[in-house]
Amino acid sequence: MKATTFIAITLLAGAIAGTILGILNQVIVEPYIEQAIALENEKAAAEEGEIINPVEFGNYRYWQRGGEIAAGTILGTSIAALFGIIFAYSRKSIPGSSNKKKALILAGILWLVLFLVPALKYPASPPAVGDPETIYYRQSLYLAYLAISGFSALGVAFMYRRLKEVMQSENTTILIVALPATIYAVIMITAYLAMPPNPDAINAPMDLVTGFRIASGFTMSMFWGLLGIILGAFWDRTKPHE
């Protein structure tokens, strides 16, 4: 393994995908955030008499939106570091005729495990939705469910690899895939039913909340797809494993 090349293409792929994520969020997700913040400001003015200085608030939001792109780059680089290590370790076990296809398949699996499954239990809501006093509790629930999903997937991945080594017959191919997938599904369904729900009632219009969830889900799906394609393309071009 050419370590320098591996590190470079992994971090570069994450930075590119994360930057694109930040830009997409500006166009697709930010309108819903603006609506949610406007509703919160109206509520504060009506209930508490709090007056928001539009100039100061506009400057703050301008700075905040610019920071979202940088945050996307940092997030993408961080996720890519994990993604690259998993890909390097499991590349030979992933089906696909090219590293681009292999990386895209792995990205789809991680998207399912680290994004979609946790989002089904604890879906994201726009800022200013929910009680600020429960934010740490809500984050703890989400992280706990995310950890269960991630470690369960890691365990069944080792099971899949072991089954693939000891069961070479074509007649067992379906079993090799179905057994780990079934175990993962059982674990996550059990955790879904056992863990407490979100403690906060939604106090914003449902069309706003639903639109935000769809928009943020779309951009995160784009991020995972781009990360897989970009890293796979870099891998095919540089061949750091040789």
C-alpha atoms as a PDB file:
ATOM      1  CA  MET A   1       0.000   0.000   0.000  1.00  0.00           C
ATOM      2  CA  LYS A   2       1.366   3.410  -0.988  1.00  0.00           C
ATOM      3  CA  ALA A   3       0.441   5.219   2.228  1.00  0.00           C
ATOM      4  CA  THR A   4       1.058   8.776   1.019  1.00  0.00           C
ATOM      5  CA  THR A   5      -1.045   8.270  -2.103  1.00  0.00           C
ATOM      6  CA  PHE A   6      -3.804   6.568  -0.093  1.00  0.00           C
ATOM      7  CA  ILE A   7      -3.996   9.392   2.440  1.00  0.00           C
ATOM      8  CA  ALA A   8      -3.903  12.072  -0.258  1.00  0.00           C
ATOM      9  CA  ILE A   9      -6.673  10.668  -2.454  1.00  0.00           C
ATOM     10  CA  THR A  10      -8.845   9.803   0.544  1.00  0.00           C
ATOM     11  CA  LEU A  11      -8.709  13.269   2.091  1.00  0.00           C
ATOM     12  CA  LEU A  12      -9.009  14.993  -1.293  1.00  0.00           C
ATOM     13  CA  ALA A  13     -12.090  12.958  -2.193  1.00  0.00           C
ATOM     14  CA  GLY A  14     -13.678  13.826   1.141  1.00  0.00           C
ATOM     15  CA  ALA A  15     -12.832  17.522   0.805  1.00  0.00           C
ATOM     16  CA  ILE A  16     -14.352  17.697  -2.690  1.00  0.00           C
ATOM     17  CA  ALA A  17     -17.520  15.797  -1.740  1.00  0.00           C
ATOM     18  CA  GLY A  18     -17.892  17.788   1.491  1.00  0.00           C
ATOM     19  CA  THR A  19     -17.457  21.134  -0.255  1.00  0.00           C
ATOM     20  CA  ILE A  20     -20.099  20.189  -2.813  1.00  0.00           C
ATOM     21  CA  LEU A  21     -22.350  19.177   0.095  1.00  0.00           C
ATOM     22  CA  GLY A  22     -21.909  22.617   1.657  1.00  0.00           C
ATOM     23  CA  ILE A  23     -22.725  24.341  -1.617  1.00  0.00           C
ATOM     24  CA  LEU A  24     -25.784  22.167  -2.231  1.00  0.00           C
ATOM     25  CA  ASN A  25     -27.045  22.897   1.269  1.00  0.00           C
ATOM     26  CA  GLN A  26     -26.873  26.621   0.519  1.00  0.00           C
ATOM     27  CA  VAL A  27     -29.275  26.170  -2.381  1.00  0.00           C
ATOM     28  CA  ILE A  28     -31.500  23.284  -1.251  1.00  0.00           C
ATOM     29  CA  VAL A  29     -31.575  23.209   2.564  1.00  0.00           C
ATOM     30  CA  GLU A  30     -31.003  26.832   3.584  1.00  0.00           C
ATOM     31  CA  PRO A  31     -34.441  28.083   2.417  1.00  0.00           C
ATOM     32  CA  TYR A  32     -36.081  25.777   4.970  1.00  0.00           C
ATOM     33  CA  ILE A  33     -33.672  26.912   7.684  1.00  0.00           C
ATOM     34  CA  GLU A  34     -34.477  30.537   6.903  1.00  0.00           C
ATOM     35  CA  GLN A  35     -38.193  29.811   7.248  1.00  0.00           C
ATOM     36  CA  ALA A  36     -37.695  28.038  10.577  1.00  0.00           C
ATOM     37  CA  ILE A  37     -35.570  30.882  11.972  1.00  0.00           C
ATOM     38  CA  ALA A  38     -38.095  33.468  10.805  1.00  0.00           C
ATOM     39  CA  LEU A  39     -40.865  31.597  12.631  1.00  0.00           C
ATOM     40  CA  GLU A  40     -38.746  31.418  15.782  1.00  0.00           C
ATOM     41  CA  ASN A  41     -38.012  35.149  15.637  1.00  0.00           C
ATOM     42  CA  GLU A  42     -41.720  35.907  15.214  1.00  0.00           C
ATOM     43  CA  LYS A  43     -42.518  33.690  18.202  1.00  0.00           C
ATOM     44  CA  ALA A  44     -39.866  35.390  20.353  1.00  0.00           C
ATOM     45  CA  ALA A  45     -41.182  38.821  19.414  1.00  0.00           C
ATOM     46  CA  ALA A  46     -44.792  37.855  20.160  1.00  0.00           C
ATOM     47  CA  GLU A  47     -44.201  36.011  23.452  1.00  0.00           C
ATOM     48  CA  GLU A  48     -41.200  37.776  24.952  1.00  0.00           C
ATOM     49  CA  GLY A  49     -41.147  41.127  23.164  1.00  0.00           C
ATOM     50  CA  GLU A  50     -37.659  40.365  21.872  1.00  0.00           C
ATOM     51  CA  ILE A  51     -36.756  42.532  18.886  1.00  0.00           C
ATOM     52  CA  ILE A  52     -34.151  41.191  16.457  1.00  0.00           C
ATOM     53  CA  ASN A  53     -31.880  43.757  14.839  1.00  0.00           C
ATOM     54  CA  PRO A  54     -32.214  42.886  11.128  1.00  0.00           C
ATOM     55  CA  VAL A  55     -28.784  44.254  10.191  1.00  0.00           C
ATOM     56  CA  GLU A  56     -26.911  42.405  12.926  1.00  0.00           C
ATOM     57  CA  PHE A  57     -28.903  39.251  12.327  1.00  0.00           C
ATOM     58  CA  GLY A  58     -28.296  39.459   8.575  1.00  0.00           C
ATOM     59  CA  ASN A  59     -24.550  39.794   9.120  1.00  0.00           C
ATOM     60  CA  TYR A  60     -24.582  36.842  11.497  1.00  0.00           C
ATOM     61  CA  ARG A  61     -26.480  34.662   9.039  1.00  0.00           C
ATOM     62  CA  TYR A  62     -24.111  35.671   6.216  1.00  0.00           C
ATOM     63  CA  TRP A  63     -21.152  34.578   8.327  1.00  0.00           C
ATOM     64  CA  GLN A  64     -22.956  31.410   9.384  1.00  0.00           C
ATOM     65  CA  ARG A  65     -23.847  30.394   5.836  1.00  0.00           C
ATOM     66  CA  GLY A  66     -20.273  30.897   4.709  1.00  0.00           C
ATOM     67  CA  GLY A  67     -19.107  28.739   7.586  1.00  0.00           C
ATOM     68  CA  GLU A  68     -21.423  25.939   6.464  1.00  0.00           C
ATOM     69  CA  ILE A  69     -19.321  25.403   3.340  1.00  0.00           C
ATOM     70  CA  ALA A  70     -16.137  25.147   5.409  1.00  0.00           C
ATOM     71  CA  ALA A  71     -17.952  22.833   7.819  1.00  0.00           C
ATOM     72  CA  GLY A  72     -19.001  20.658   4.875  1.00  0.00           C
ATOM     73  CA  THR A  73     -15.375  20.382   3.767  1.00  0.00           C
ATOM     74  CA  ILE A  74     -14.255  19.396   7.275  1.00  0.00           C
ATOM     75  CA  LEU A  75     -17.120  16.905   7.633  1.00  0.00           C
ATOM     76  CA  GLY A  76     -16.363  15.371   4.255  1.00  0.00           C
ATOM     77  CA  THR A  77     -12.673  14.979   5.089  1.00  0.00           C
ATOM     78  CA  SER A  78     -13.486  13.375   8.436  1.00  0.00           C
ATOM     79  CA  ILE A  79     -15.972  10.903   6.983  1.00  0.00           C
ATOM     80  CA  ALA A  80     -13.629  10.126   4.087  1.00  0.00           C
ATOM     81  CA  ALA A  81     -10.866   9.133   6.519  1.00  0.00           C
ATOM     82  CA  LEU A  82     -13.134   6.422   7.936  1.00  0.00           C
ATOM     83  CA  PHE A  83     -14.490   5.522   4.503  1.00  0.00           C
ATOM     84  CA  GLY A  84     -10.996   5.158   3.041  1.00  0.00           C
ATOM     85  CA  ILE A  85      -9.815   2.827   5.810  1.00  0.00           C
ATOM     86  CA  ILE A  86     -12.886   0.610   5.432  1.00  0.00           C
ATOM     87  CA  PHE A  87     -12.520   0.576   1.650  1.00  0.00           C
ATOM     88  CA  ALA A  88      -8.829  -0.332   1.776  1.00  0.00           C
ATOM     89  CA  TYR A  89      -9.545  -3.175   4.181  1.00  0.00           C
ATOM     90  CA  SER A  90     -12.621  -4.583   2.425  1.00  0.00           C
ATOM     91  CA  ARG A  91     -11.958  -3.706  -1.241  1.00  0.00           C
ATOM     92  CA  LYS A  92     -11.239  -7.283  -2.326  1.00  0.00           C
ATOM     93  CA  SER A  93     -14.458  -8.544  -0.717  1.00  0.00           C
ATOM     94  CA  ILE A  94     -16.729  -5.990  -2.401  1.00  0.00           C
ATOM     95  CA  PRO A  95     -18.248  -7.020  -5.747  1.00  0.00           C
ATOM     96  CA  GLY A  96     -17.618  -4.839  -8.769  1.00  0.00           C
ATOM     97  CA  SER A  97     -15.509  -4.736 -11.918  1.00  0.00           C
ATOM     98  CA  SER A  98     -13.720  -1.502 -10.981  1.00  0.00           C
ATOM     99  CA  ASN A  99     -12.719   0.310  -7.833  1.00  0.00           C
ATOM    100  CA  LYS A 100     -15.206   3.053  -8.696  1.00  0.00           C
ATOM    101  CA  LYS A 101     -18.068   0.547  -8.603  1.00  0.00           C
ATOM    102  CA  LYS A 102     -16.699  -1.067  -5.440  1.00  0.00           C
ATOM    103  CA  ALA A 103     -16.408   2.306  -3.691  1.00  0.00           C
ATOM    104  CA  LEU A 104     -19.919   3.274  -4.776  1.00  0.00           C
ATOM    105  CA  ILE A 105     -21.331   0.025  -3.358  1.00  0.00           C
ATOM    106  CA  LEU A 106     -19.525   0.602  -0.059  1.00  0.00           C
ATOM    107  CA  ALA A 107     -20.747   4.211   0.021  1.00  0.00           C
ATOM    108  CA  GLY A 108     -24.303   2.943  -0.418  1.00  0.00           C
ATOM    109  CA  ILE A 109     -23.895   0.536   2.489  1.00  0.00           C
ATOM    110  CA  LEU A 110     -22.465   3.224   4.773  1.00  0.00           C
ATOM    111  CA  TRP A 111     -25.186   5.656   3.677  1.00  0.00           C
ATOM    112  CA  LEU A 112     -27.731   3.082   4.780  1.00  0.00           C
ATOM    113  CA  VAL A 113     -26.011   2.258   8.077  1.00  0.00           C
ATOM    114  CA  LEU A 114     -24.796   5.702   9.154  1.00  0.00           C
ATOM    115  CA  PHE A 115     -27.477   7.953   7.697  1.00  0.00           C
ATOM    116  CA  LEU A 116     -30.756   6.364   6.617  1.00  0.00           C
ATOM    117  CA  VAL A 117     -31.308   3.880   9.458  1.00  0.00           C
ATOM    118  CA  PRO A 118     -30.583   6.424  12.251  1.00  0.00           C
ATOM    119  CA  ALA A 119     -32.717   9.009  10.426  1.00  0.00           C
ATOM    120  CA  LEU A 120     -35.701   6.662  10.415  1.00  0.00           C
ATOM    121  CA  LYS A 121     -35.640   6.568  14.225  1.00  0.00           C
ATOM    122  CA  TYR A 122     -34.551  10.137  14.914  1.00  0.00           C
ATOM    123  CA  PRO A 123     -35.190  12.254  11.795  1.00  0.00           C
ATOM    124  CA  ALA A 124     -33.558  15.663  11.566  1.00  0.00           C
ATOM    125  CA  SER A 125     -35.534  18.827  12.203  1.00  0.00           C
ATOM    126  CA  PRO A 126     -34.736  22.409  11.218  1.00  0.00           C
ATOM    127  CA  PRO A 127     -33.083  24.731  13.739  1.00  0.00           C
ATOM    128  CA  ALA A 128     -35.405  26.319  16.317  1.00  0.00           C
ATOM    129  CA  VAL A 129     -37.679  23.246  16.248  1.00  0.00           C
ATOM    130  CA  GLY A 130     -37.733  21.504  19.624  1.00  0.00           C
ATOM    131  CA  ASP A 131     -36.960  22.456  23.198  1.00  0.00           C
ATOM    132  CA  PRO A 132     -33.401  23.839  23.606  1.00  0.00           C
ATOM    133  CA  GLU A 133     -33.204  22.251  27.057  1.00  0.00           C
ATOM    134  CA  THR A 134     -33.473  18.728  25.612  1.00  0.00           C
ATOM    135  CA  ILE A 135     -30.953  19.163  22.803  1.00  0.00           C
ATOM    136  CA  TYR A 136     -28.188  17.196  24.558  1.00  0.00           C
ATOM    137  CA  TYR A 137     -30.587  14.411  25.438  1.00  0.00           C
ATOM    138  CA  ARG A 138     -31.808  14.237  21.844  1.00  0.00           C
ATOM    139  CA  GLN A 139     -28.246  14.200  20.556  1.00  0.00           C
ATOM    140  CA  SER A 140     -27.370  11.391  22.978  1.00  0.00           C
ATOM    141  CA  LEU A 141     -30.275   9.286  21.726  1.00  0.00           C
ATOM    142  CA  TYR A 142     -29.270   9.841  18.108  1.00  0.00           C
ATOM    143  CA  LEU A 143     -25.604   9.036  18.746  1.00  0.00           C
ATOM    144  CA  ALA A 144     -26.533   5.910  20.695  1.00  0.00           C
ATOM    145  CA  TYR A 145     -28.709   4.617  17.860  1.00  0.00           C
ATOM    146  CA  LEU A 146     -26.015   5.567  15.345  1.00  0.00           C
ATOM    147  CA  ALA A 147     -23.422   3.627  17.351  1.00  0.00           C
ATOM    148  CA  ILE A 148     -25.688   0.572  17.532  1.00  0.00           C
ATOM    149  CA  SER A 149     -26.151   0.698  13.770  1.00  0.00           C
ATOM    150  CA  GLY A 150     -22.453   1.186  13.046  1.00  0.00           C
ATOM    151  CA  PHE A 151     -21.100  -1.499  15.370  1.00  0.00           C
ATOM    152  CA  SER A 152     -23.815  -3.956  14.350  1.00  0.00           C
ATOM    153  CA  ALA A 153     -22.927  -3.423  10.700  1.00  0.00           C
ATOM    154  CA  LEU A 154     -19.237  -3.903  11.530  1.00  0.00           C
ATOM    155  CA  GLY A 155     -20.022  -7.179  13.270  1.00  0.00           C
ATOM    156  CA  VAL A 156     -22.110  -8.585  10.428  1.00  0.00           C
ATOM    157  CA  ALA A 157     -19.434  -7.428   7.946  1.00  0.00           C
ATOM    158  CA  PHE A 158     -16.901  -9.647   9.706  1.00  0.00           C
ATOM    159  CA  MET A 159     -19.485 -12.432   9.639  1.00  0.00           C
ATOM    160  CA  TYR A 160     -20.018 -11.922   5.899  1.00  0.00           C
ATOM    161  CA  ARG A 161     -16.300 -12.053   5.231  1.00  0.00           C
ATOM    162  CA  ARG A 162     -15.880 -15.203   7.301  1.00  0.00           C
ATOM    163  CA  LEU A 163     -18.834 -16.917   5.640  1.00  0.00           C
ATOM    164  CA  LYS A 164     -17.443 -16.017   2.248  1.00  0.00           C
ATOM    165  CA  GLU A 165     -14.142 -17.657   3.147  1.00  0.00           C
ATOM    166  CA  VAL A 166     -15.611 -20.948   4.378  1.00  0.00           C
ATOM    167  CA  MET A 167     -18.636 -21.294   2.073  1.00  0.00           C
ATOM    168  CA  GLN A 168     -17.451 -21.184  -1.528  1.00  0.00           C
ATOM    169  CA  SER A 169     -20.347 -23.016  -3.211  1.00  0.00           C
ATOM    170  CA  GLU A 170     -22.558 -20.978  -5.548  1.00  0.00           C
ATOM    171  CA  ASN A 171     -25.599 -22.502  -3.854  1.00  0.00           C
ATOM    172  CA  THR A 172     -24.704 -20.706  -0.623  1.00  0.00           C
ATOM    173  CA  THR A 173     -24.274 -17.209  -2.121  1.00  0.00           C
ATOM    174  CA  ILE A 174     -27.747 -16.074  -1.100  1.00  0.00           C
ATOM    175  CA  LEU A 175     -27.233 -17.411   2.423  1.00  0.00           C
ATOM    176  CA  ILE A 176     -23.889 -15.616   2.764  1.00  0.00           C
ATOM    177  CA  VAL A 177     -25.604 -12.299   2.031  1.00  0.00           C
ATOM    178  CA  ALA A 178     -28.992 -12.936   3.635  1.00  0.00           C
ATOM    179  CA  LEU A 179     -27.835 -14.180   7.037  1.00  0.00           C
ATOM    180  CA  PRO A 180     -25.737 -11.124   8.053  1.00  0.00           C
ATOM    181  CA  ALA A 181     -28.354  -8.755   6.594  1.00  0.00           C
ATOM    182  CA  THR A 182     -31.110 -10.475   8.574  1.00  0.00           C
ATOM    183  CA  ILE A 183     -29.134 -10.310  11.816  1.00  0.00           C
ATOM    184  CA  TYR A 184     -28.474  -6.590  11.289  1.00  0.00           C
ATOM    185  CA  ALA A 185     -32.151  -5.953  10.585  1.00  0.00           C
ATOM    186  CA  VAL A 186     -33.239  -7.821  13.721  1.00  0.00           C
ATOM    187  CA  ILE A 187     -30.790  -5.856  15.897  1.00  0.00           C
ATOM    188  CA  MET A 188     -31.894  -2.489  14.501  1.00  0.00           C
ATOM    189  CA  ILE A 189     -35.622  -3.264  14.713  1.00  0.00           C
ATOM    190  CA  THR A 190     -35.152  -4.335  18.343  1.00  0.00           C
ATOM    191  CA  ALA A 191     -33.223  -1.138  19.105  1.00  0.00           C
ATOM    192  CA  TYR A 192     -35.853   0.917  17.262  1.00  0.00           C
ATOM    193  CA  LEU A 193     -38.602  -0.468  19.479  1.00  0.00           C
ATOM    194  CA  ALA A 194     -36.592  -0.387  22.708  1.00  0.00           C
ATOM    195  CA  MET A 195     -35.114   3.096  22.551  1.00  0.00           C
ATOM    196  CA  PRO A 196     -37.252   6.090  23.627  1.00  0.00           C
ATOM    197  CA  PRO A 197     -38.811   8.373  21.020  1.00  0.00           C
ATOM    198  CA  ASN A 198     -37.890  11.988  20.433  1.00  0.00           C
ATOM    199  CA  PRO A 199     -39.088  13.779  23.597  1.00  0.00           C
ATOM    200  CA  ASP A 200     -40.106  17.013  21.869  1.00  0.00           C
ATOM    201  CA  ALA A 201     -43.358  17.649  20.071  1.00  0.00           C
ATOM    202  CA  ILE A 202     -42.963  19.310  16.673  1.00  0.00           C
ATOM    203  CA  ASN A 203     -44.095  22.903  17.034  1.00  0.00           C
ATOM    204  CA  ALA A 204     -43.456  23.981  13.453  1.00  0.00           C
ATOM    205  CA  PRO A 205     -45.603  23.479  10.326  1.00  0.00           C
ATOM    206  CA  MET A 206     -45.240  19.897   9.129  1.00  0.00           C
ATOM    207  CA  ASP A 207     -44.732  20.945   5.514  1.00  0.00           C
ATOM    208  CA  LEU A 208     -41.659  22.905   6.642  1.00  0.00           C
ATOM    209  CA  VAL A 209     -40.297  20.019   8.705  1.00  0.00           C
ATOM    210  CA  THR A 210     -40.995  17.451   5.978  1.00  0.00           C
ATOM    211  CA  GLY A 211     -39.455  19.653   3.305  1.00  0.00           C
ATOM    212  CA  PHE A 212     -36.343  20.149   5.412  1.00  0.00           C
ATOM    213  CA  ARG A 213     -35.969  16.412   5.997  1.00  0.00           C
ATOM    214  CA  ILE A 214     -36.363  15.584   2.323  1.00  0.00           C
ATOM    215  CA  ALA A 215     -33.921  18.324   1.270  1.00  0.00           C
ATOM    216  CA  SER A 216     -31.268  17.392   3.822  1.00  0.00           C
ATOM    217  CA  GLY A 217     -31.708  13.709   3.011  1.00  0.00           C
ATOM    218  CA  PHE A 218     -31.185  14.450  -0.672  1.00  0.00           C
ATOM    219  CA  THR A 219     -27.981  16.425  -0.115  1.00  0.00           C
ATOM    220  CA  MET A 220     -26.545  13.809   2.252  1.00  0.00           C
ATOM    221  CA  SER A 221     -27.356  11.081  -0.269  1.00  0.00           C
ATOM    222  CA  MET A 222     -25.574  13.100  -2.938  1.00  0.00           C
ATOM    223  CA  PHE A 223     -22.585  13.451  -0.626  1.00  0.00           C
ATOM    224  CA  TRP A 224     -22.239   9.707  -0.060  1.00  0.00           C
ATOM    225  CA  GLY A 225     -22.643   8.981  -3.763  1.00  0.00           C
ATOM    226  CA  LEU A 226     -20.047  11.586  -4.734  1.00  0.00           C
ATOM    227  CA  LEU A 227     -17.641  10.351  -2.079  1.00  0.00           C
ATOM    228  CA  GLY A 228     -17.818   6.821  -3.457  1.00  0.00           C
ATOM    229  CA  ILE A 229     -17.466   7.899  -7.090  1.00  0.00           C
ATOM    230  CA  ILE A 230     -14.612  10.334  -6.477  1.00  0.00           C
ATOM    231  CA  LEU A 231     -12.567   8.055  -4.231  1.00  0.00           C
ATOM    232  CA  GLY A 232     -13.145   5.113  -6.560  1.00  0.00           C
ATOM    233  CA  ALA A 233     -12.044   7.162  -9.576  1.00  0.00           C
ATOM    234  CA  PHE A 234      -8.923   8.342  -7.742  1.00  0.00           C
ATOM    235  CA  TRP A 235      -8.199   4.771  -6.671  1.00  0.00           C
ATOM    236  CA  ASP A 236      -8.497   3.441 -10.228  1.00  0.00           C
ATOM    237  CA  ARG A 237      -6.181   6.171 -11.457  1.00  0.00           C
ATOM    238  CA  THR A 238      -3.453   6.041  -8.792  1.00  0.00           C
ATOM    239  CA  LYS A 239      -3.713   2.371  -7.674  1.00  0.00           C
ATOM    240  CA  PRO A 240      -2.371   2.913  -4.147  1.00  0.00           C
ATOM    241  CA  HIS A 241      -2.789  -0.794  -3.347  1.00  0.00           C
ATOM    242  CA  GLU A 242      -0.076  -1.799  -5.807  1.00  0.00           C
END
